[in-house]
C-alpha cells in the first residue's frame, strides 16, 4: 500500500465513524427544565 491509499482509508474510516455517531448513536436528550415551569433559572 502506498501513502495515498492509507490516507484514503483513514478518511473513509473517519467519515463512516462520523455517520455512525450522528445517525445510530442517538442519546436521549436531557431535560433542561428540571426546576419546574416557572423558575428564575432562565
Protein backbone atom coordinates (compact mmCIF):
# COMPACT_ATOMS: atom_id res chain seq x y z
CA UNK A 1 0.00 0.00 0.00
CA UNK A 2 1.26 3.41 -0.81
CA UNK A 3 0.79 6.57 1.21
CA UNK A 4 -2.19 7.83 -0.79
CA UNK A 5 -4.19 4.63 -0.22
CA UNK A 6 -3.52 4.82 3.51
CA UNK A 7 -4.85 8.38 3.59
CA UNK A 8 -7.96 7.36 1.64
CA UNK A 9 -8.72 4.51 4.05
CA UNK A 10 -8.18 6.73 7.10
CA UNK A 11 -10.50 9.38 5.65
CA UNK A 12 -13.11 6.75 4.82
CA UNK A 13 -12.96 5.33 8.35
CA UNK A 14 -13.39 8.80 9.87
CA UNK A 15 -16.36 9.54 7.59
CA UNK A 16 -18.07 6.23 8.41
CA UNK A 17 -17.44 6.76 12.11
CA UNK A 18 -18.95 10.24 11.92
CA UNK A 19 -22.07 8.95 10.17
CA UNK A 20 -22.50 6.11 12.66
CA UNK A 21 -22.13 8.52 15.57
CA UNK A 22 -24.55 11.02 14.06
CA UNK A 23 -27.33 8.66 12.99
CA UNK A 24 -27.08 5.49 15.07
CA UNK A 25 -25.97 6.69 18.50
CA UNK A 26 -28.94 8.89 19.32
CA UNK A 27 -28.81 9.62 23.01
CA UNK A 28 -31.82 10.70 24.98
CA UNK A 29 -31.87 14.47 25.41
CA UNK A 30 -31.52 15.72 28.94
CA UNK A 31 -34.44 17.50 30.48
CA UNK A 32 -33.41 21.14 30.57
CA UNK A 33 -36.41 22.26 32.60
CA UNK A 34 -35.74 20.27 35.75
CA UNK A 35 -36.63 23.08 38.17
CA UNK A 36 -40.27 23.45 37.11
CA UNK A 37 -42.20 25.59 34.68
CA UNK A 38 -41.84 28.96 36.41
CA UNK A 39 -38.39 29.46 37.86
CA UNK A 40 -35.61 32.02 37.71
CA UNK A 41 -33.10 29.73 36.06
CA UNK A 42 -33.62 31.05 32.50
